[in-house]
Amino acid sequence: MIPQDPAMLLSFLNLKLRDYYASLDQLCDDLDIDRAEIEGKLSIIDYHYDKEKNQFVSEN
């Protein structure tokens, strides 16, 4: 189960991306989660996925 709170979700995903997964697609496939849903939740707090950094980063 992944965190539902956007701030907790951000921390959870960035840790997983940094330590275990080479891409967001790989993480989503492995954990069976919907990429669009994840990106939608994090856009609420102005974060988006940066493919080059393989992390969610602030849009500010």
N, C-alpha and C. Protein backbone atom coordinates (compact mmCIF):
# COMPACT_ATOMS: atom_id res chain seq x y z
N MET A 1 0.85 -1.18 0.00
CA MET A 1 0.00 0.00 0.00
C MET A 1 0.89 1.24 0.00
N ILE A 2 0.55 2.18 -0.85
CA ILE A 2 1.33 3.41 -0.92
C ILE A 2 0.63 4.52 -0.14
N PRO A 3 1.40 5.49 0.36
CA PRO A 3 0.78 6.59 1.11
C PRO A 3 -0.21 7.36 0.26
N GLN A 4 -1.27 7.84 0.88
CA GLN A 4 -2.29 8.63 0.19
C GLN A 4 -2.03 10.12 0.31
N ASP A 5 -1.39 10.54 1.39
CA ASP A 5 -1.06 11.95 1.58
C ASP A 5 0.01 12.34 0.55
N PRO A 6 -0.19 13.42 -0.22
CA PRO A 6 0.76 13.79 -1.27
C PRO A 6 2.20 13.98 -0.79
N ALA A 7 2.39 14.60 0.37
CA ALA A 7 3.75 14.83 0.88
C ALA A 7 4.43 13.51 1.25
N MET A 8 3.69 12.62 1.88
CA MET A 8 4.23 11.30 2.23
C MET A 8 4.48 10.48 0.97
N LEU A 9 3.58 10.59 0.00
CA LEU A 9 3.74 9.88 -1.27
C LEU A 9 5.00 10.35 -1.98
N LEU A 10 5.25 11.65 -1.98
CA LEU A 10 6.45 12.21 -2.59
C LEU A 10 7.71 11.59 -1.98
N SER A 11 7.77 11.58 -0.67
CA SER A 11 8.93 11.02 0.02
C SER A 11 9.09 9.53 -0.30
N PHE A 12 8.01 8.79 -0.24
CA PHE A 12 8.01 7.35 -0.52
C PHE A 12 8.52 7.08 -1.94
N LEU A 13 7.96 7.78 -2.92
CA LEU A 13 8.33 7.53 -4.32
C LEU A 13 9.77 7.93 -4.61
N ASN A 14 10.20 9.07 -4.11
CA ASN A 14 11.57 9.49 -4.38
C ASN A 14 12.59 8.54 -3.74
N LEU A 15 12.28 8.02 -2.58
CA LEU A 15 13.15 7.02 -1.96
C LEU A 15 13.22 5.77 -2.82
N LYS A 16 12.06 5.28 -3.26
CA LYS A 16 12.02 4.08 -4.10
C LYS A 16 12.76 4.30 -5.42
N LEU A 17 12.53 5.47 -6.03
CA LEU A 17 13.19 5.76 -7.30
C LEU A 17 14.70 5.86 -7.13
N ARG A 18 15.13 6.47 -6.06
CA ARG A 18 16.56 6.63 -5.81
C ARG A 18 17.24 5.29 -5.52
N ASP A 19 16.60 4.46 -4.72
CA ASP A 19 17.26 3.26 -4.23
C ASP A 19 16.96 1.97 -4.99
N TYR A 20 15.81 1.90 -5.70
CA TYR A 20 15.40 0.61 -6.24
C TYR A 20 15.00 0.59 -7.72
N TYR A 21 14.62 1.71 -8.29
CA TYR A 21 14.06 1.69 -9.64
C TYR A 21 14.76 2.67 -10.57
N ALA A 22 14.96 2.25 -11.81
CA ALA A 22 15.63 3.07 -12.81
C ALA A 22 14.68 4.05 -13.50
N SER A 23 13.36 3.85 -13.30
CA SER A 23 12.39 4.76 -13.92
C SER A 23 11.06 4.68 -13.19
N LEU A 24 10.24 5.69 -13.42
CA LEU A 24 8.90 5.71 -12.83
C LEU A 24 8.05 4.58 -13.42
N ASP A 25 8.20 4.32 -14.70
CA ASP A 25 7.44 3.23 -15.31
C ASP A 25 7.77 1.89 -14.67
N GLN A 26 9.04 1.65 -14.40
CA GLN A 26 9.46 0.41 -13.76
C GLN A 26 8.85 0.29 -12.36
N LEU A 27 8.88 1.38 -11.61
CA LEU A 27 8.28 1.39 -10.27
C LEU A 27 6.79 1.08 -10.35
N CYS A 28 6.09 1.77 -11.24
CA CYS A 28 4.64 1.58 -11.37
C CYS A 28 4.29 0.15 -11.78
N ASP A 29 5.05 -0.40 -12.71
CA ASP A 29 4.81 -1.78 -13.14
C ASP A 29 5.03 -2.76 -11.99
N ASP A 30 6.13 -2.58 -11.28
CA ASP A 30 6.48 -3.50 -10.20
C ASP A 30 5.49 -3.42 -9.04
N LEU A 31 5.06 -2.21 -8.69
CA LEU A 31 4.15 -2.03 -7.56
C LEU A 31 2.68 -2.06 -7.97
N ASP A 32 2.43 -2.22 -9.27
CA ASP A 32 1.07 -2.26 -9.82
C ASP A 32 0.26 -1.03 -9.41
N ILE A 33 0.83 0.15 -9.70
CA ILE A 33 0.15 1.39 -9.42
C ILE A 33 0.01 2.20 -10.71
N ASP A 34 -0.98 3.06 -10.76
CA ASP A 34 -1.29 3.84 -11.95
C ASP A 34 -0.44 5.11 -12.00
N ARG A 35 0.37 5.23 -13.04
CA ARG A 35 1.27 6.38 -13.17
C ARG A 35 0.50 7.69 -13.21
N ALA A 36 -0.57 7.75 -13.98
CA ALA A 36 -1.35 8.99 -14.11
C ALA A 36 -1.92 9.42 -12.76
N GLU A 37 -2.36 8.46 -11.97
CA GLU A 37 -2.91 8.77 -10.64
C GLU A 37 -1.82 9.35 -9.75
N ILE A 38 -0.65 8.74 -9.77
CA ILE A 38 0.48 9.22 -8.97
C ILE A 38 0.86 10.65 -9.38
N GLU A 39 1.01 10.85 -10.68
CA GLU A 39 1.40 12.17 -11.17
C GLU A 39 0.33 13.21 -10.86
N GLY A 40 -0.92 12.81 -10.90
CA GLY A 40 -2.01 13.72 -10.55
C GLY A 40 -1.97 14.13 -9.10
N LYS A 41 -1.73 13.18 -8.22
CA LYS A 41 -1.66 13.49 -6.78
C LYS A 41 -0.50 14.42 -6.47
N LEU A 42 0.64 14.19 -7.13
CA LEU A 42 1.80 15.02 -6.83
C LEU A 42 1.73 16.38 -7.51
N SER A 43 0.96 16.49 -8.56
CA SER A 43 0.79 17.80 -9.19
C SER A 43 0.02 18.74 -8.28
N ILE A 44 -0.78 18.19 -7.38
CA ILE A 44 -1.52 18.99 -6.40
C ILE A 44 -0.56 19.81 -5.54
N ILE A 45 0.61 19.24 -5.25
CA ILE A 45 1.61 19.95 -4.44
C ILE A 45 2.74 20.48 -5.31
N ASP A 46 2.48 20.63 -6.61
CA ASP A 46 3.41 21.23 -7.57
C ASP A 46 4.71 20.45 -7.76
N TYR A 47 4.59 19.13 -7.84
CA TYR A 47 5.74 18.28 -8.15
C TYR A 47 5.45 17.51 -9.42
N HIS A 48 6.48 17.31 -10.22
CA HIS A 48 6.37 16.52 -11.44
C HIS A 48 7.58 15.60 -11.56
N TYR A 49 7.42 14.56 -12.35
CA TYR A 49 8.50 13.60 -12.54
C TYR A 49 9.53 14.14 -13.53
N ASP A 50 10.78 14.13 -13.13
CA ASP A 50 11.89 14.53 -13.99
C ASP A 50 12.62 13.26 -14.40
N LYS A 51 12.48 12.89 -15.67
CA LYS A 51 13.04 11.63 -16.17
C LYS A 51 14.57 11.60 -16.02
N GLU A 52 15.23 12.72 -16.30
CA GLU A 52 16.69 12.76 -16.22
C GLU A 52 17.19 12.55 -14.79
N LYS A 53 16.49 13.11 -13.83
CA LYS A 53 16.88 12.96 -12.42
C LYS A 53 16.30 11.70 -11.80
N ASN A 54 15.29 11.14 -12.45
CA ASN A 54 14.55 9.98 -11.93
C ASN A 54 14.01 10.28 -10.53
N GLN A 55 13.45 11.47 -10.40
CA GLN A 55 12.87 11.92 -9.14
C GLN A 55 11.70 12.85 -9.43
N PHE A 56 10.82 12.99 -8.44
CA PHE A 56 9.81 14.04 -8.52
C PHE A 56 10.44 15.31 -7.98
N VAL A 57 10.30 16.39 -8.72
CA VAL A 57 10.91 17.66 -8.35
C VAL A 57 9.86 18.75 -8.34
N SER A 58 10.14 19.80 -7.62
CA SER A 58 9.22 20.93 -7.51
C SER A 58 9.17 21.71 -8.81
N GLU A 59 7.99 22.17 -9.16
CA GLU A 59 7.83 22.99 -10.36
C GLU A 59 8.23 24.43 -10.10
N ASN A 60 8.45 24.80 -8.86
CA ASN A 60 8.84 26.17 -8.50
C ASN A 60 10.32 26.37 -8.62
